[in-house]
Each structure stands twice: as structure tokens, then as C-alpha cells.
Amino acid sequence: MQKIFCVLLLLTSLSLRAENNLEVHATLVPDTGSFVAKSNKVKGRLIKTGNTFTADRISVLVNSFSTENKLRDKHFGEHIGGGSKLPHPRVEVTNLKAQNGKGTANIKINNVSRPINITYTEKKGYVDAEFFVNAKDFNLPKAQYLGIGVEDKVRVTVKYDYEVAP
């Protein structure tokens, strides 16, 4: 009976942080509010070796984001994916290296790759990270629908589980 209890306790604790997620925080222009596009379909491995975090490739499908508005979801995915046929269906972060709360990586959006600076806080088994992306740097068209647009610079936050290197 005690073994069953221990297994249930372990499974419960694992389920508390079992999904990676990425959020894009966008401000509308003219100043009419904001929205958050969320995805929990982020894939890839973040490895901790000593006090250094690395990842070769972390990616997310552009059509996996939810903004709690179906039409905005569609437009958001098309905007960052290169159009209605989504020729660039993924956003990819590569060559990530971070230590002591700061890091660098390359991010590829719309088939354009640029370096980014990342800040993060380590938690038990995962990191809270943040970086900024400027749409102009990735040759994205102006995001606008019915006269309401999105500021070019957006804040991206990530909660991501890590594995400890053996």
C-alpha cells in the first residue's frame, strides 16, 4: 500500500509541471488593448549541465497558438508563418546557451534567423524565460486587421522543463 501511495505522489508531482509553453504578449495599436497568444506544443530538449543550459533546437508550430479568438488565431498563425499556406510552419530557437540568468540563441521566424538575448529564472525542474522579438527583423508584414494592428516589438515568455545531463 505504501508503494502505491509513493507512486501516486510521484505522478502527481510530475503532472504539476509536465507541459512546456510559450506565450507571445502583443500590444494593439492604436492603444486598444493587448492579447496573449499561447502554445503548449513546444518541442525540443533543454539540457542543464552544471549551471549551464543548452538546447540545439526548440520549435513550435505557428498554427498551434491560441488567443481565445478563432479569427485572431488564424491571422496570427498566417502572419508569422508566411501566409495562408504557411510555407514556414515553425518558429525555431537554435544554439541556445544560457548561464547565470542570461543567455543567447538564434530564432528563426518566416525563414529569417536572428540572434536573441534571453533572461531566465531557474525553478525546480524548469525555467521561466523571456525575450523580445521585433517583427521588422523577420520581414513580416504589418500585422493589421480592420484598422487595428499589433506593435512590431512583442514580449515572449516561456516556461520550459529541463533535463539534467548525466
C-alpha atoms as a PDB file:
ATOM      1  CA  MET A   1       0.000   0.000   0.000  1.00  0.00           C
ATOM      2  CA  GLN A   2       2.830   2.394   0.854  1.00  0.00           C
ATOM      3  CA  LYS A   3       4.460   1.758  -2.557  1.00  0.00           C
ATOM      4  CA  ILE A   4       1.219   2.626  -4.357  1.00  0.00           C
ATOM      5  CA  PHE A   5       0.957   5.857  -2.361  1.00  0.00           C
ATOM      6  CA  CYS A   6       4.559   6.789  -3.261  1.00  0.00           C
ATOM      7  CA  VAL A   7       3.926   6.122  -6.977  1.00  0.00           C
ATOM      8  CA  LEU A   8       0.738   8.248  -6.907  1.00  0.00           C
ATOM      9  CA  LEU A   9       2.569  11.059  -5.126  1.00  0.00           C
ATOM     10  CA  LEU A  10       5.373  10.971  -7.707  1.00  0.00           C
ATOM     11  CA  LEU A  11       2.916  11.016 -10.637  1.00  0.00           C
ATOM     12  CA  THR A  12       1.012  13.920  -9.087  1.00  0.00           C
ATOM     13  CA  SER A  13       4.184  15.960  -8.588  1.00  0.00           C
ATOM     14  CA  LEU A  14       5.290  15.288 -12.179  1.00  0.00           C
ATOM     15  CA  SER A  15       1.946  16.416 -13.556  1.00  0.00           C
ATOM     16  CA  LEU A  16       2.274  19.829 -11.882  1.00  0.00           C
ATOM     17  CA  ARG A  17       4.947  20.904 -14.421  1.00  0.00           C
ATOM     18  CA  ALA A  18       4.528  18.474 -17.284  1.00  0.00           C
ATOM     19  CA  GLU A  19       3.954  20.838 -20.179  1.00  0.00           C
ATOM     20  CA  ASN A  20       6.175  23.381 -21.854  1.00  0.00           C
ATOM     21  CA  ASN A  21       4.502  26.546 -23.030  1.00  0.00           C
ATOM     22  CA  LEU A  22       5.282  29.693 -24.920  1.00  0.00           C
ATOM     23  CA  GLU A  23       3.356  32.967 -24.812  1.00  0.00           C
ATOM     24  CA  VAL A  24       3.569  35.953 -27.146  1.00  0.00           C
ATOM     25  CA  HIS A  25       2.411  39.165 -25.436  1.00  0.00           C
ATOM     26  CA  ALA A  26       1.215  41.656 -28.056  1.00  0.00           C
ATOM     27  CA  THR A  27       0.024  45.232 -27.631  1.00  0.00           C
ATOM     28  CA  LEU A  28      -2.597  46.560 -30.036  1.00  0.00           C
ATOM     29  CA  VAL A  29      -2.277  49.873 -31.903  1.00  0.00           C
ATOM     30  CA  PRO A  30      -3.917  52.274 -31.748  1.00  0.00           C
ATOM     31  CA  ASP A  31      -3.882  51.723 -27.993  1.00  0.00           C
ATOM     32  CA  THR A  32      -6.949  49.496 -27.742  1.00  0.00           C
ATOM     33  CA  GLY A  33      -5.616  46.744 -25.514  1.00  0.00           C
ATOM     34  CA  SER A  34      -3.497  43.652 -25.859  1.00  0.00           C
ATOM     35  CA  PHE A  35      -3.680  39.889 -26.234  1.00  0.00           C
ATOM     36  CA  VAL A  36      -1.599  36.829 -25.443  1.00  0.00           C
ATOM     37  CA  ALA A  37      -1.041  34.053 -27.971  1.00  0.00           C
ATOM     38  CA  LYS A  38      -0.305  30.787 -26.141  1.00  0.00           C
ATOM     39  CA  SER A  39       1.003  27.419 -27.279  1.00  0.00           C
ATOM     40  CA  ASN A  40       1.763  24.310 -25.272  1.00  0.00           C
ATOM     41  CA  LYS A  41       3.014  22.472 -28.373  1.00  0.00           C
ATOM     42  CA  VAL A  42       6.652  23.483 -27.884  1.00  0.00           C
ATOM     43  CA  LYS A  43       9.088  20.673 -28.715  1.00  0.00           C
ATOM     44  CA  GLY A  44      12.776  20.127 -28.041  1.00  0.00           C
ATOM     45  CA  ARG A  45      15.171  19.356 -25.220  1.00  0.00           C
ATOM     46  CA  LEU A  46      16.649  21.860 -22.785  1.00  0.00           C
ATOM     47  CA  ILE A  47      19.664  20.342 -21.042  1.00  0.00           C
ATOM     48  CA  LYS A  48      21.261  21.534 -17.806  1.00  0.00           C
ATOM     49  CA  THR A  49      24.946  20.709 -17.357  1.00  0.00           C
ATOM     50  CA  GLY A  50      26.319  22.146 -14.132  1.00  0.00           C
ATOM     51  CA  ASN A  51      24.909  25.679 -14.160  1.00  0.00           C
ATOM     52  CA  THR A  52      24.693  25.959 -17.970  1.00  0.00           C
ATOM     53  CA  PHE A  53      21.561  25.414 -20.064  1.00  0.00           C
ATOM     54  CA  THR A  54      21.796  24.400 -23.723  1.00  0.00           C
ATOM     55  CA  ALA A  55      19.402  23.410 -26.496  1.00  0.00           C
ATOM     56  CA  ASP A  56      20.205  22.505 -30.074  1.00  0.00           C
ATOM     57  CA  ARG A  57      16.671  23.128 -31.342  1.00  0.00           C
ATOM     58  CA  ILE A  58      13.343  24.065 -29.764  1.00  0.00           C
ATOM     59  CA  SER A  59      10.384  24.639 -32.058  1.00  0.00           C
ATOM     60  CA  VAL A  60       6.689  25.451 -32.094  1.00  0.00           C
ATOM     61  CA  LEU A  61       4.132  25.186 -34.888  1.00  0.00           C
ATOM     62  CA  VAL A  62       2.790  28.612 -35.856  1.00  0.00           C
ATOM     63  CA  ASN A  63      -0.783  27.317 -36.074  1.00  0.00           C
ATOM     64  CA  SER A  64      -0.665  25.915 -32.522  1.00  0.00           C
ATOM     65  CA  PHE A  65      -1.196  29.308 -30.858  1.00  0.00           C
ATOM     66  CA  SER A  66      -4.464  30.209 -29.169  1.00  0.00           C
ATOM     67  CA  THR A  67      -5.541  33.771 -28.421  1.00  0.00           C
ATOM     68  CA  GLU A  68      -9.075  32.829 -27.319  1.00  0.00           C
ATOM     69  CA  ASN A  69     -10.369  34.224 -30.619  1.00  0.00           C
ATOM     70  CA  LYS A  70     -10.516  31.816 -33.608  1.00  0.00           C
ATOM     71  CA  LEU A  71     -10.174  34.505 -36.291  1.00  0.00           C
ATOM     72  CA  ARG A  72      -7.222  36.108 -34.492  1.00  0.00           C
ATOM     73  CA  ASP A  73      -5.660  32.631 -34.081  1.00  0.00           C
ATOM     74  CA  LYS A  74      -5.881  32.123 -37.854  1.00  0.00           C
ATOM     75  CA  HIS A  75      -4.448  35.560 -38.640  1.00  0.00           C
ATOM     76  CA  PHE A  76      -1.678  35.164 -36.031  1.00  0.00           C
ATOM     77  CA  GLY A  77      -0.530  31.823 -37.492  1.00  0.00           C
ATOM     78  CA  GLU A  78      -0.668  33.133 -41.052  1.00  0.00           C
ATOM     79  CA  HIS A  79       1.202  36.302 -40.104  1.00  0.00           C
ATOM     80  CA  ILE A  80       4.208  34.583 -38.545  1.00  0.00           C
ATOM     81  CA  GLY A  81       4.029  31.571 -40.879  1.00  0.00           C
ATOM     82  CA  GLY A  82       4.332  33.475 -44.152  1.00  0.00           C
ATOM     83  CA  GLY A  83       0.737  33.489 -45.412  1.00  0.00           C
ATOM     84  CA  SER A  84      -2.373  31.339 -45.645  1.00  0.00           C
ATOM     85  CA  LYS A  85      -0.445  28.310 -46.971  1.00  0.00           C
ATOM     86  CA  LEU A  86       2.081  28.565 -44.090  1.00  0.00           C
ATOM     87  CA  PRO A  87       5.303  27.993 -46.077  1.00  0.00           C
ATOM     88  CA  HIS A  88       7.225  28.478 -42.791  1.00  0.00           C
ATOM     89  CA  PRO A  89       5.093  26.471 -40.340  1.00  0.00           C
ATOM     90  CA  ARG A  90       7.531  26.562 -37.404  1.00  0.00           C
ATOM     91  CA  VAL A  91       9.301  29.070 -35.223  1.00  0.00           C
ATOM     92  CA  GLU A  92      12.659  27.625 -34.201  1.00  0.00           C
ATOM     93  CA  VAL A  93      15.118  28.551 -31.477  1.00  0.00           C
ATOM     94  CA  THR A  94      18.574  27.083 -32.078  1.00  0.00           C
ATOM     95  CA  ASN A  95      22.019  27.169 -30.495  1.00  0.00           C
ATOM     96  CA  LEU A  96      20.686  28.216 -27.109  1.00  0.00           C
ATOM     97  CA  LYS A  97      23.274  28.689 -24.388  1.00  0.00           C
ATOM     98  CA  ALA A  98      22.470  30.288 -21.027  1.00  0.00           C
ATOM     99  CA  GLN A  99      24.114  30.702 -17.662  1.00  0.00           C
ATOM    100  CA  ASN A 100      23.517  32.836 -14.544  1.00  0.00           C
ATOM    101  CA  GLY A 101      20.121  34.134 -15.672  1.00  0.00           C
ATOM    102  CA  LYS A 102      21.189  35.282 -19.147  1.00  0.00           C
ATOM    103  CA  GLY A 103      21.593  33.581 -22.483  1.00  0.00           C
ATOM    104  CA  THR A 104      21.724  33.822 -26.243  1.00  0.00           C
ATOM    105  CA  ALA A 105      20.176  31.865 -29.075  1.00  0.00           C
ATOM    106  CA  ASN A 106      19.099  32.216 -32.678  1.00  0.00           C
ATOM    107  CA  ILE A 107      15.423  32.445 -33.532  1.00  0.00           C
ATOM    108  CA  LYS A 108      14.049  31.638 -36.979  1.00  0.00           C
ATOM    109  CA  ILE A 109      10.719  33.170 -37.999  1.00  0.00           C
ATOM    110  CA  ASN A 110       9.431  33.399 -41.575  1.00  0.00           C
ATOM    111  CA  ASN A 111      12.656  31.675 -42.727  1.00  0.00           C
ATOM    112  CA  VAL A 112      14.772  34.542 -41.301  1.00  0.00           C
ATOM    113  CA  SER A 113      17.206  33.801 -38.474  1.00  0.00           C
ATOM    114  CA  ARG A 114      18.353  36.417 -35.951  1.00  0.00           C
ATOM    115  CA  PRO A 115      20.195  36.319 -32.608  1.00  0.00           C
ATOM    116  CA  ILE A 116      18.217  36.998 -29.420  1.00  0.00           C
ATOM    117  CA  ASN A 117      19.119  37.713 -25.816  1.00  0.00           C
ATOM    118  CA  ILE A 118      17.255  35.740 -23.184  1.00  0.00           C
ATOM    119  CA  THR A 119      16.799  36.268 -19.463  1.00  0.00           C
ATOM    120  CA  TYR A 120      15.589  33.445 -17.253  1.00  0.00           C
ATOM    121  CA  THR A 121      14.932  32.288 -13.729  1.00  0.00           C
ATOM    122  CA  GLU A 122      15.560  28.681 -12.805  1.00  0.00           C
ATOM    123  CA  LYS A 123      12.779  26.908 -10.929  1.00  0.00           C
ATOM    124  CA  LYS A 124      12.641  23.329  -9.674  1.00  0.00           C
ATOM    125  CA  GLY A 125      12.830  21.308 -12.900  1.00  0.00           C
ATOM    126  CA  TYR A 126      12.014  24.148 -15.308  1.00  0.00           C
ATOM    127  CA  VAL A 127      12.954  27.687 -16.307  1.00  0.00           C
ATOM    128  CA  ASP A 128      10.900  30.858 -16.747  1.00  0.00           C
ATOM    129  CA  ALA A 129      12.444  32.716 -19.680  1.00  0.00           C
ATOM    130  CA  GLU A 130      11.766  35.955 -21.507  1.00  0.00           C
ATOM    131  CA  PHE A 131      12.961  37.608 -24.711  1.00  0.00           C
ATOM    132  CA  PHE A 132      11.763  40.196 -27.212  1.00  0.00           C
ATOM    133  CA  VAL A 133      11.128  39.879 -30.946  1.00  0.00           C
ATOM    134  CA  ASN A 134      10.754  42.701 -33.455  1.00  0.00           C
ATOM    135  CA  ALA A 135       8.582  41.720 -36.455  1.00  0.00           C
ATOM    136  CA  LYS A 136      10.534  44.029 -38.785  1.00  0.00           C
ATOM    137  CA  ASP A 137      13.671  41.922 -38.188  1.00  0.00           C
ATOM    138  CA  PHE A 138      11.924  38.913 -39.758  1.00  0.00           C
ATOM    139  CA  ASN A 139      10.445  40.563 -42.856  1.00  0.00           C
ATOM    140  CA  LEU A 140       6.929  40.136 -41.504  1.00  0.00           C
ATOM    141  CA  PRO A 141       4.245  42.376 -42.976  1.00  0.00           C
ATOM    142  CA  LYS A 142       2.476  44.885 -40.746  1.00  0.00           C
ATOM    143  CA  ALA A 143       0.002  42.963 -38.556  1.00  0.00           C
ATOM    144  CA  GLN A 144      -3.292  44.753 -39.041  1.00  0.00           C
ATOM    145  CA  TYR A 145      -6.979  43.844 -39.350  1.00  0.00           C
ATOM    146  CA  LEU A 146      -9.835  46.334 -39.707  1.00  0.00           C
ATOM    147  CA  GLY A 147      -7.591  49.234 -38.707  1.00  0.00           C
ATOM    148  CA  ILE A 148      -6.289  47.568 -35.527  1.00  0.00           C
ATOM    149  CA  GLY A 149      -2.674  46.454 -35.577  1.00  0.00           C
ATOM    150  CA  VAL A 150      -0.020  44.970 -33.343  1.00  0.00           C
ATOM    151  CA  GLU A 151       3.134  46.736 -32.211  1.00  0.00           C
ATOM    152  CA  ASP A 152       6.187  45.401 -34.041  1.00  0.00           C
ATOM    153  CA  LYS A 153       8.006  44.508 -30.816  1.00  0.00           C
ATOM    154  CA  VAL A 154       6.460  41.688 -28.771  1.00  0.00           C
ATOM    155  CA  ARG A 155       7.485  40.085 -25.487  1.00  0.00           C
ATOM    156  CA  VAL A 156       7.831  36.298 -25.476  1.00  0.00           C
ATOM    157  CA  THR A 157       7.713  34.288 -22.253  1.00  0.00           C
ATOM    158  CA  VAL A 158       8.499  30.602 -21.958  1.00  0.00           C
ATOM    159  CA  LYS A 159       8.112  28.012 -19.225  1.00  0.00           C
ATOM    160  CA  TYR A 160      10.261  25.051 -20.172  1.00  0.00           C
ATOM    161  CA  ASP A 161      11.204  21.820 -18.450  1.00  0.00           C
ATOM    162  CA  TYR A 162      14.870  20.887 -18.430  1.00  0.00           C
ATOM    163  CA  GLU A 163      16.752  17.636 -18.181  1.00  0.00           C
ATOM    164  CA  VAL A 164      19.885  17.311 -16.061  1.00  0.00           C
ATOM    165  CA  ALA A 165      22.798  15.907 -18.038  1.00  0.00           C
ATOM    166  CA  PRO A 166      24.116  12.618 -16.672  1.00  0.00           C
END
